[in-house]
Amino acid sequence: MRVKGPKSERGNRTIEIDAGLVTLLLGERERHLRLVAGVPDGVDVNLSLIKLPPGALMFPAPPDPGEQFLLTKLRTPQGVTESFQKRAAKLGFPELRFHDLRGTHETMLLDMGIPVHIVAARGGHDPAVLLRSYAKRTKKGDAAAVSAIAAIARNVTGT
């Protein structure tokens, strides 16, 4: 396996994330530092002097039985898919594919009123591609449309 860049320049993008996600990622980094230093959870130590190995991954592959945990071991695409399918099935979504999360995420952002061009830029899409391929019709979106049309009708009829 090898790590490669995005297929197109559009794949290189910067997106903002909230403080909660930053906290989660910093927690993962601390977990990695504790693994490297051999410090158990719950022990209060200054981890600022611990350095991660070159090529350390944020979410490395879990070790096989009897194998040492390596922060530089890539997860295989098949391994990610299998892990996701098992977890999705346990949650009651046996047909859900990992890639489906992309469209779900984008649809939810659109339903929340995030402008199409913003959602498209975060996903690395042209807005037309986003609307054609990923945006799905939802009950919440339909309800919002019904409310908007009702408001227009009230303004037209004066009621």
N, C-alpha and C. Protein backbone atom coordinates (compact mmCIF):
# COMPACT_ATOMS: atom_id res chain seq x y z
N MET A 1 0.84 -1.18 0.00
CA MET A 1 0.00 0.00 0.00
C MET A 1 0.88 1.24 0.00
N ARG A 2 0.31 2.30 -0.51
CA ARG A 2 1.03 3.57 -0.50
C ARG A 2 0.03 4.69 -0.27
N VAL A 3 0.53 5.78 0.26
CA VAL A 3 -0.29 6.96 0.48
C VAL A 3 -0.06 7.88 -0.71
N LYS A 4 -1.14 8.35 -1.30
CA LYS A 4 -1.00 9.24 -2.44
C LYS A 4 -1.90 10.45 -2.24
N GLY A 5 -1.66 11.46 -3.01
CA GLY A 5 -2.44 12.69 -2.91
C GLY A 5 -3.80 12.55 -3.56
N PRO A 6 -4.59 13.60 -3.48
CA PRO A 6 -5.92 13.59 -4.10
C PRO A 6 -5.83 13.46 -5.62
N LYS A 7 -6.94 13.02 -6.22
CA LYS A 7 -6.99 12.84 -7.68
C LYS A 7 -6.87 14.16 -8.42
N SER A 8 -7.43 15.22 -7.85
CA SER A 8 -7.39 16.52 -8.52
C SER A 8 -7.03 17.61 -7.52
N GLU A 9 -6.75 18.79 -8.02
CA GLU A 9 -6.40 19.92 -7.15
C GLU A 9 -7.54 20.27 -6.22
N ARG A 10 -8.78 20.04 -6.66
CA ARG A 10 -9.94 20.32 -5.82
C ARG A 10 -9.91 19.49 -4.53
N GLY A 11 -9.20 18.37 -4.56
CA GLY A 11 -9.08 17.53 -3.37
C GLY A 11 -8.23 18.14 -2.28
N ASN A 12 -7.40 19.12 -2.64
CA ASN A 12 -6.62 19.86 -1.64
C ASN A 12 -7.45 21.02 -1.16
N ARG A 13 -7.98 20.93 0.06
CA ARG A 13 -8.80 22.01 0.57
C ARG A 13 -8.62 22.12 2.07
N THR A 14 -8.88 23.30 2.58
CA THR A 14 -8.83 23.56 4.01
C THR A 14 -10.25 23.78 4.48
N ILE A 15 -10.64 23.09 5.54
CA ILE A 15 -11.97 23.28 6.10
C ILE A 15 -11.83 23.60 7.58
N GLU A 16 -12.79 24.33 8.10
CA GLU A 16 -12.79 24.64 9.53
C GLU A 16 -13.44 23.48 10.28
N ILE A 17 -12.98 23.26 11.49
CA ILE A 17 -13.61 22.27 12.37
C ILE A 17 -13.86 22.94 13.71
N ASP A 18 -14.81 22.39 14.46
CA ASP A 18 -15.16 23.01 15.73
C ASP A 18 -14.23 22.55 16.85
N ALA A 19 -14.37 23.22 17.99
CA ALA A 19 -13.51 22.94 19.14
C ALA A 19 -13.68 21.50 19.64
N GLY A 20 -14.90 20.95 19.53
CA GLY A 20 -15.13 19.58 19.99
C GLY A 20 -14.32 18.57 19.19
N LEU A 21 -14.25 18.75 17.87
CA LEU A 21 -13.46 17.84 17.04
C LEU A 21 -11.97 18.04 17.30
N VAL A 22 -11.55 19.27 17.50
CA VAL A 22 -10.15 19.53 17.84
C VAL A 22 -9.79 18.80 19.13
N THR A 23 -10.69 18.85 20.12
CA THR A 23 -10.45 18.17 21.40
C THR A 23 -10.33 16.66 21.18
N LEU A 24 -11.22 16.10 20.36
CA LEU A 24 -11.16 14.66 20.07
C LEU A 24 -9.83 14.29 19.42
N LEU A 25 -9.39 15.06 18.44
CA LEU A 25 -8.13 14.77 17.76
C LEU A 25 -6.93 14.94 18.68
N LEU A 26 -6.97 15.94 19.53
CA LEU A 26 -5.88 16.11 20.50
C LEU A 26 -5.86 14.96 21.50
N GLY A 27 -7.03 14.44 21.84
CA GLY A 27 -7.10 13.26 22.71
C GLY A 27 -6.46 12.05 22.05
N GLU A 28 -6.69 11.88 20.75
CA GLU A 28 -6.05 10.78 20.01
C GLU A 28 -4.54 10.96 20.00
N ARG A 29 -4.10 12.18 19.80
CA ARG A 29 -2.65 12.45 19.81
C ARG A 29 -2.06 12.11 21.18
N GLU A 30 -2.76 12.50 22.25
CA GLU A 30 -2.28 12.17 23.59
C GLU A 30 -2.22 10.66 23.79
N ARG A 31 -3.23 9.95 23.29
CA ARG A 31 -3.24 8.49 23.39
C ARG A 31 -2.01 7.90 22.69
N HIS A 32 -1.68 8.44 21.52
CA HIS A 32 -0.50 7.99 20.79
C HIS A 32 0.77 8.27 21.59
N LEU A 33 0.87 9.48 22.15
CA LEU A 33 2.06 9.82 22.93
C LEU A 33 2.21 8.88 24.13
N ARG A 34 1.12 8.54 24.78
CA ARG A 34 1.16 7.62 25.91
C ARG A 34 1.63 6.23 25.46
N LEU A 35 1.16 5.79 24.28
CA LEU A 35 1.61 4.49 23.76
C LEU A 35 3.11 4.49 23.50
N VAL A 36 3.59 5.55 22.86
CA VAL A 36 5.02 5.64 22.53
C VAL A 36 5.85 5.64 23.81
N ALA A 37 5.39 6.38 24.83
CA ALA A 37 6.16 6.51 26.07
C ALA A 37 5.91 5.37 27.05
N GLY A 38 4.90 4.56 26.78
CA GLY A 38 4.58 3.47 27.69
C GLY A 38 3.91 3.95 28.97
N VAL A 39 3.22 5.08 28.89
CA VAL A 39 2.55 5.65 30.07
C VAL A 39 1.09 5.17 30.07
N PRO A 40 0.66 4.52 31.14
CA PRO A 40 -0.73 4.05 31.19
C PRO A 40 -1.72 5.20 31.31
N ASP A 41 -2.96 4.96 30.87
CA ASP A 41 -4.02 5.96 31.03
C ASP A 41 -4.21 6.27 32.50
N GLY A 42 -4.55 7.51 32.79
CA GLY A 42 -4.82 7.91 34.17
C GLY A 42 -3.60 8.40 34.93
N VAL A 43 -2.41 8.14 34.42
CA VAL A 43 -1.19 8.62 35.08
C VAL A 43 -0.91 10.02 34.56
N ASP A 44 -0.74 10.97 35.46
CA ASP A 44 -0.54 12.37 35.08
C ASP A 44 0.94 12.62 34.86
N VAL A 45 1.32 12.82 33.60
CA VAL A 45 2.71 13.13 33.25
C VAL A 45 2.72 14.21 32.18
N ASN A 46 3.84 14.90 32.07
CA ASN A 46 4.02 15.90 31.02
C ASN A 46 4.46 15.18 29.76
N LEU A 47 3.59 15.17 28.74
CA LEU A 47 3.90 14.45 27.50
C LEU A 47 4.59 15.34 26.47
N SER A 48 4.90 16.59 26.81
CA SER A 48 5.45 17.52 25.83
C SER A 48 6.84 17.11 25.32
N LEU A 49 7.56 16.29 26.07
CA LEU A 49 8.90 15.86 25.64
C LEU A 49 8.87 14.61 24.77
N ILE A 50 7.71 13.97 24.67
CA ILE A 50 7.58 12.75 23.88
C ILE A 50 7.36 13.14 22.42
N LYS A 51 8.07 12.51 21.52
CA LYS A 51 7.93 12.78 20.09
C LYS A 51 7.33 11.55 19.41
N LEU A 52 6.40 11.79 18.52
CA LEU A 52 5.84 10.69 17.73
C LEU A 52 6.83 10.30 16.65
N PRO A 53 6.82 9.03 16.25
CA PRO A 53 7.74 8.62 15.19
C PRO A 53 7.38 9.27 13.86
N PRO A 54 8.36 9.44 12.97
CA PRO A 54 8.04 9.97 11.64
C PRO A 54 7.02 9.06 10.98
N GLY A 55 6.04 9.66 10.35
CA GLY A 55 5.03 8.87 9.65
C GLY A 55 3.92 8.35 10.56
N ALA A 56 3.85 8.83 11.81
CA ALA A 56 2.80 8.39 12.72
C ALA A 56 1.44 8.78 12.15
N LEU A 57 0.50 7.87 12.21
CA LEU A 57 -0.84 8.09 11.67
C LEU A 57 -1.81 8.43 12.79
N MET A 58 -2.81 9.25 12.48
CA MET A 58 -3.80 9.61 13.49
C MET A 58 -4.64 8.39 13.89
N PHE A 59 -4.99 7.56 12.93
CA PHE A 59 -5.80 6.37 13.20
C PHE A 59 -5.12 5.15 12.55
N PRO A 60 -4.07 4.64 13.18
CA PRO A 60 -3.36 3.50 12.59
C PRO A 60 -4.18 2.22 12.68
N ALA A 61 -3.72 1.20 11.98
CA ALA A 61 -4.39 -0.11 12.01
C ALA A 61 -4.25 -0.72 13.39
N PRO A 62 -5.32 -1.35 13.88
CA PRO A 62 -5.19 -2.05 15.17
C PRO A 62 -4.25 -3.24 15.00
N PRO A 63 -3.53 -3.61 16.05
CA PRO A 63 -2.59 -4.73 15.92
C PRO A 63 -3.33 -6.06 15.83
N ASP A 64 -2.73 -7.00 15.12
CA ASP A 64 -3.23 -8.37 15.10
C ASP A 64 -2.88 -9.00 16.45
N PRO A 65 -3.56 -10.08 16.84
CA PRO A 65 -3.24 -10.72 18.12
C PRO A 65 -1.75 -11.05 18.22
N GLY A 66 -1.15 -10.65 19.32
CA GLY A 66 0.27 -10.90 19.55
C GLY A 66 1.20 -9.90 18.88
N GLU A 67 0.66 -8.97 18.10
CA GLU A 67 1.47 -8.00 17.37
C GLU A 67 1.60 -6.72 18.19
N GLN A 68 2.74 -6.03 18.06
CA GLN A 68 2.96 -4.76 18.73
C GLN A 68 2.15 -3.68 18.02
N PHE A 69 1.63 -2.72 18.79
CA PHE A 69 0.87 -1.61 18.23
C PHE A 69 1.85 -0.65 17.55
N LEU A 70 1.69 -0.43 16.25
CA LEU A 70 2.56 0.47 15.50
C LEU A 70 1.76 1.68 15.03
N LEU A 71 2.26 2.86 15.32
CA LEU A 71 1.56 4.08 14.92
C LEU A 71 1.72 4.39 13.44
N THR A 72 2.56 3.62 12.75
CA THR A 72 2.82 3.87 11.34
C THR A 72 2.23 2.80 10.44
N LYS A 73 1.45 1.87 11.00
CA LYS A 73 0.87 0.80 10.20
C LYS A 73 -0.45 1.26 9.60
N LEU A 74 -0.49 1.32 8.27
CA LEU A 74 -1.70 1.77 7.57
C LEU A 74 -2.85 0.78 7.72
N ARG A 75 -4.05 1.30 7.81
CA ARG A 75 -5.24 0.46 7.73
C ARG A 75 -5.45 0.13 6.25
N THR A 76 -5.83 -1.08 5.96
CA THR A 76 -6.12 -1.43 4.57
C THR A 76 -7.52 -0.92 4.24
N PRO A 77 -7.76 -0.55 2.99
CA PRO A 77 -9.12 -0.14 2.62
C PRO A 77 -10.15 -1.21 2.96
N GLN A 78 -9.81 -2.47 2.71
CA GLN A 78 -10.72 -3.56 3.03
C GLN A 78 -10.98 -3.65 4.54
N GLY A 79 -9.95 -3.40 5.34
CA GLY A 79 -10.10 -3.43 6.79
C GLY A 79 -11.03 -2.34 7.29
N VAL A 80 -10.91 -1.14 6.71
CA VAL A 80 -11.80 -0.03 7.08
C VAL A 80 -13.24 -0.38 6.70
N THR A 81 -13.42 -0.92 5.50
CA THR A 81 -14.75 -1.31 5.04
C THR A 81 -15.37 -2.36 5.94
N GLU A 82 -14.61 -3.39 6.26
CA GLU A 82 -15.13 -4.47 7.11
C GLU A 82 -15.49 -3.96 8.50
N SER A 83 -14.63 -3.14 9.07
CA SER A 83 -14.90 -2.59 10.40
C SER A 83 -16.16 -1.74 10.37
N PHE A 84 -16.30 -0.91 9.34
CA PHE A 84 -17.48 -0.07 9.23
C PHE A 84 -18.74 -0.91 9.06
N GLN A 85 -18.70 -1.93 8.20
CA GLN A 85 -19.87 -2.77 7.97
C GLN A 85 -20.32 -3.47 9.25
N LYS A 86 -19.37 -3.96 10.04
CA LYS A 86 -19.72 -4.62 11.31
C LYS A 86 -20.40 -3.64 12.26
N ARG A 87 -19.84 -2.46 12.38
CA ARG A 87 -20.42 -1.47 13.30
C ARG A 87 -21.77 -0.96 12.81
N ALA A 88 -21.89 -0.75 11.51
CA ALA A 88 -23.17 -0.29 10.96
C ALA A 88 -24.25 -1.35 11.16
N ALA A 89 -23.90 -2.61 10.94
CA ALA A 89 -24.87 -3.69 11.14
C ALA A 89 -25.32 -3.77 12.59
N LYS A 90 -24.38 -3.61 13.54
CA LYS A 90 -24.72 -3.62 14.96
C LYS A 90 -25.69 -2.50 15.31
N LEU A 91 -25.58 -1.39 14.61
CA LEU A 91 -26.45 -0.24 14.87
C LEU A 91 -27.77 -0.33 14.11
N GLY A 92 -27.95 -1.42 13.33
CA GLY A 92 -29.21 -1.60 12.60
C GLY A 92 -29.21 -1.10 11.18
N PHE A 93 -28.04 -0.87 10.61
CA PHE A 93 -27.92 -0.39 9.22
C PHE A 93 -27.06 -1.35 8.40
N PRO A 94 -27.54 -2.58 8.17
CA PRO A 94 -26.70 -3.58 7.51
C PRO A 94 -26.35 -3.26 6.05
N GLU A 95 -27.14 -2.43 5.40
CA GLU A 95 -26.88 -2.10 3.98
C GLU A 95 -26.08 -0.81 3.79
N LEU A 96 -25.79 -0.11 4.88
CA LEU A 96 -25.10 1.17 4.79
C LEU A 96 -23.64 0.95 4.38
N ARG A 97 -23.19 1.72 3.39
CA ARG A 97 -21.80 1.67 2.96
C ARG A 97 -21.05 2.87 3.53
N PHE A 98 -19.76 2.74 3.72
CA PHE A 98 -18.94 3.82 4.25
C PHE A 98 -19.10 5.08 3.39
N HIS A 99 -19.11 4.92 2.07
CA HIS A 99 -19.23 6.06 1.16
C HIS A 99 -20.57 6.77 1.32
N ASP A 100 -21.60 6.06 1.78
CA ASP A 100 -22.92 6.68 1.98
C ASP A 100 -22.86 7.81 3.01
N LEU A 101 -21.89 7.76 3.91
CA LEU A 101 -21.78 8.80 4.93
C LEU A 101 -21.50 10.17 4.30
N ARG A 102 -20.82 10.16 3.18
CA ARG A 102 -20.51 11.42 2.50
C ARG A 102 -21.79 12.12 2.07
N GLY A 103 -22.66 11.40 1.38
CA GLY A 103 -23.92 11.98 0.94
C GLY A 103 -24.82 12.35 2.10
N THR A 104 -24.82 11.53 3.14
CA THR A 104 -25.63 11.82 4.33
C THR A 104 -25.15 13.11 4.98
N HIS A 105 -23.85 13.24 5.12
CA HIS A 105 -23.26 14.45 5.71
C HIS A 105 -23.66 15.69 4.90
N GLU A 106 -23.51 15.60 3.60
CA GLU A 106 -23.81 16.75 2.75
C GLU A 106 -25.30 17.07 2.75
N THR A 107 -26.15 16.05 2.74
CA THR A 107 -27.59 16.27 2.79
C THR A 107 -27.98 16.94 4.11
N MET A 108 -27.40 16.48 5.21
CA MET A 108 -27.71 17.08 6.50
C MET A 108 -27.29 18.55 6.55
N LEU A 109 -26.14 18.87 5.99
CA LEU A 109 -25.72 20.27 5.96
C LEU A 109 -26.69 21.12 5.14
N LEU A 110 -27.12 20.59 4.00
CA LEU A 110 -28.08 21.33 3.17
C LEU A 110 -29.40 21.51 3.92
N ASP A 111 -29.88 20.46 4.61
CA ASP A 111 -31.12 20.55 5.39
C ASP A 111 -31.01 21.58 6.52
N MET A 112 -29.80 21.79 7.00
CA MET A 112 -29.60 22.76 8.08
C MET A 112 -29.50 24.19 7.54
N GLY A 113 -29.64 24.33 6.23
CA GLY A 113 -29.62 25.66 5.63
C GLY A 113 -28.25 26.16 5.22
N ILE A 114 -27.25 25.29 5.25
CA ILE A 114 -25.91 25.70 4.80
C ILE A 114 -25.97 25.89 3.29
N PRO A 115 -25.49 27.01 2.76
CA PRO A 115 -25.58 27.26 1.32
C PRO A 115 -24.89 26.16 0.50
N VAL A 116 -25.47 25.90 -0.66
CA VAL A 116 -24.97 24.84 -1.55
C VAL A 116 -23.50 25.02 -1.87
N HIS A 117 -23.08 26.24 -2.17
CA HIS A 117 -21.68 26.44 -2.56
C HIS A 117 -20.72 26.14 -1.41
N ILE A 118 -21.14 26.35 -0.17
CA ILE A 118 -20.29 26.04 0.98
C ILE A 118 -20.18 24.53 1.16
N VAL A 119 -21.31 23.84 1.11
CA VAL A 119 -21.31 22.37 1.25
C VAL A 119 -20.49 21.75 0.13
N ALA A 120 -20.66 22.24 -1.09
CA ALA A 120 -19.91 21.70 -2.23
C ALA A 120 -18.41 21.91 -2.05
N ALA A 121 -18.02 23.09 -1.60
CA ALA A 121 -16.58 23.37 -1.41
C ALA A 121 -16.00 22.46 -0.33
N ARG A 122 -16.73 22.24 0.77
CA ARG A 122 -16.21 21.36 1.84
C ARG A 122 -16.06 19.94 1.34
N GLY A 123 -16.96 19.50 0.47
CA GLY A 123 -16.89 18.13 -0.05
C GLY A 123 -16.01 17.99 -1.28
N GLY A 124 -15.53 19.10 -1.81
CA GLY A 124 -14.68 19.05 -3.00
C GLY A 124 -15.46 18.83 -4.28
N HIS A 125 -16.71 19.31 -4.31
CA HIS A 125 -17.57 19.12 -5.47
C HIS A 125 -17.84 20.44 -6.18
N ASP A 126 -18.26 20.33 -7.41
CA ASP A 126 -18.93 21.40 -8.10
C ASP A 126 -20.36 21.41 -7.54
N PRO A 127 -20.98 22.56 -7.28
CA PRO A 127 -22.34 22.57 -6.73
C PRO A 127 -23.34 21.74 -7.53
N ALA A 128 -23.21 21.73 -8.86
CA ALA A 128 -24.14 20.95 -9.68
C ALA A 128 -23.96 19.45 -9.43
N VAL A 129 -22.72 19.01 -9.26
CA VAL A 129 -22.46 17.60 -8.97
C VAL A 129 -23.02 17.24 -7.60
N LEU A 130 -22.82 18.12 -6.64
CA LEU A 130 -23.36 17.89 -5.30
C LEU A 130 -24.87 17.69 -5.36
N LEU A 131 -25.56 18.58 -6.02
CA LEU A 131 -27.03 18.49 -6.08
C LEU A 131 -27.50 17.27 -6.87
N ARG A 132 -26.79 16.93 -7.92
CA ARG A 132 -27.19 15.80 -8.76
C ARG A 132 -26.88 14.46 -8.10
N SER A 133 -25.74 14.36 -7.45
CA SER A 133 -25.27 13.04 -7.00
C SER A 133 -25.43 12.77 -5.51
N TYR A 134 -25.35 13.79 -4.69
CA TYR A 134 -25.29 13.55 -3.25
C TYR A 134 -26.50 14.05 -2.47
N ALA A 135 -27.06 15.20 -2.85
CA ALA A 135 -28.17 15.75 -2.09
C ALA A 135 -29.39 14.85 -2.24
N LYS A 136 -29.97 14.46 -1.12
CA LYS A 136 -31.12 13.56 -1.12
C LYS A 136 -32.34 14.29 -0.59
N ARG A 137 -33.50 13.87 -1.05
CA ARG A 137 -34.75 14.43 -0.55
C ARG A 137 -35.01 13.85 0.83
N THR A 138 -35.31 14.73 1.79
CA THR A 138 -35.58 14.28 3.15
C THR A 138 -36.90 14.85 3.63
N LYS A 139 -37.46 14.22 4.67
CA LYS A 139 -38.71 14.71 5.25
C LYS A 139 -38.52 16.12 5.80
N LYS A 140 -37.38 16.36 6.43
CA LYS A 140 -37.11 17.68 6.98
C LYS A 140 -37.05 18.72 5.87
N GLY A 141 -36.39 18.38 4.76
CA GLY A 141 -36.32 19.30 3.64
C GLY A 141 -37.69 19.55 3.04
N ASP A 142 -38.50 18.50 2.91
CA ASP A 142 -39.86 18.66 2.40
C ASP A 142 -40.69 19.54 3.32
N ALA A 143 -40.56 19.34 4.65
CA ALA A 143 -41.31 20.14 5.61
C ALA A 143 -40.92 21.61 5.50
N ALA A 144 -39.64 21.87 5.31
CA ALA A 144 -39.20 23.26 5.15
C ALA A 144 -39.78 23.86 3.88
N ALA A 145 -39.83 23.08 2.80
CA ALA A 145 -40.42 23.57 1.55
C ALA A 145 -41.91 23.86 1.73
N VAL A 146 -42.63 22.97 2.43
CA VAL A 146 -44.06 23.18 2.68
C VAL A 146 -44.26 24.48 3.46
N SER A 147 -43.45 24.70 4.47
CA SER A 147 -43.57 25.92 5.28
C SER A 147 -43.28 27.17 4.44
N ALA A 148 -42.28 27.10 3.60
CA ALA A 148 -41.93 28.25 2.76
C ALA A 148 -43.04 28.56 1.77
N ILE A 149 -43.61 27.54 1.16
CA ILE A 149 -44.70 27.74 0.20
C ILE A 149 -45.95 28.27 0.92
N ALA A 150 -46.21 27.77 2.12
CA ALA A 150 -47.35 28.26 2.90
C ALA A 150 -47.18 29.73 3.24
N ALA A 151 -45.97 30.14 3.59
CA ALA A 151 -45.72 31.55 3.90
C ALA A 151 -45.92 32.42 2.68
N ILE A 152 -45.49 31.95 1.52
CA ILE A 152 -45.70 32.70 0.28
C ILE A 152 -47.19 32.83 -0.01
N ALA A 153 -47.92 31.72 0.15
CA ALA A 153 -49.36 31.72 -0.10
C ALA A 153 -50.08 32.69 0.84
N ARG A 154 -49.67 32.72 2.12
CA ARG A 154 -50.30 33.64 3.07
C ARG A 154 -50.05 35.10 2.66
N ASN A 155 -48.85 35.38 2.17
CA ASN A 155 -48.54 36.74 1.74
C ASN A 155 -49.34 37.13 0.50
N VAL A 156 -49.56 36.18 -0.39
CA VAL A 156 -50.31 36.45 -1.62
C VAL A 156 -51.79 36.67 -1.31
N THR A 157 -52.36 35.81 -0.43
CA THR A 157 -53.79 35.90 -0.14
C THR A 157 -54.10 36.88 0.98
N GLY A 158 -53.07 37.29 1.73
CA GLY A 158 -53.26 38.21 2.82
C GLY A 158 -53.85 37.58 4.06
N THR A 159 -53.80 36.24 4.18
CA THR A 159 -54.36 35.58 5.36
C THR A 159 -53.28 35.11 6.28
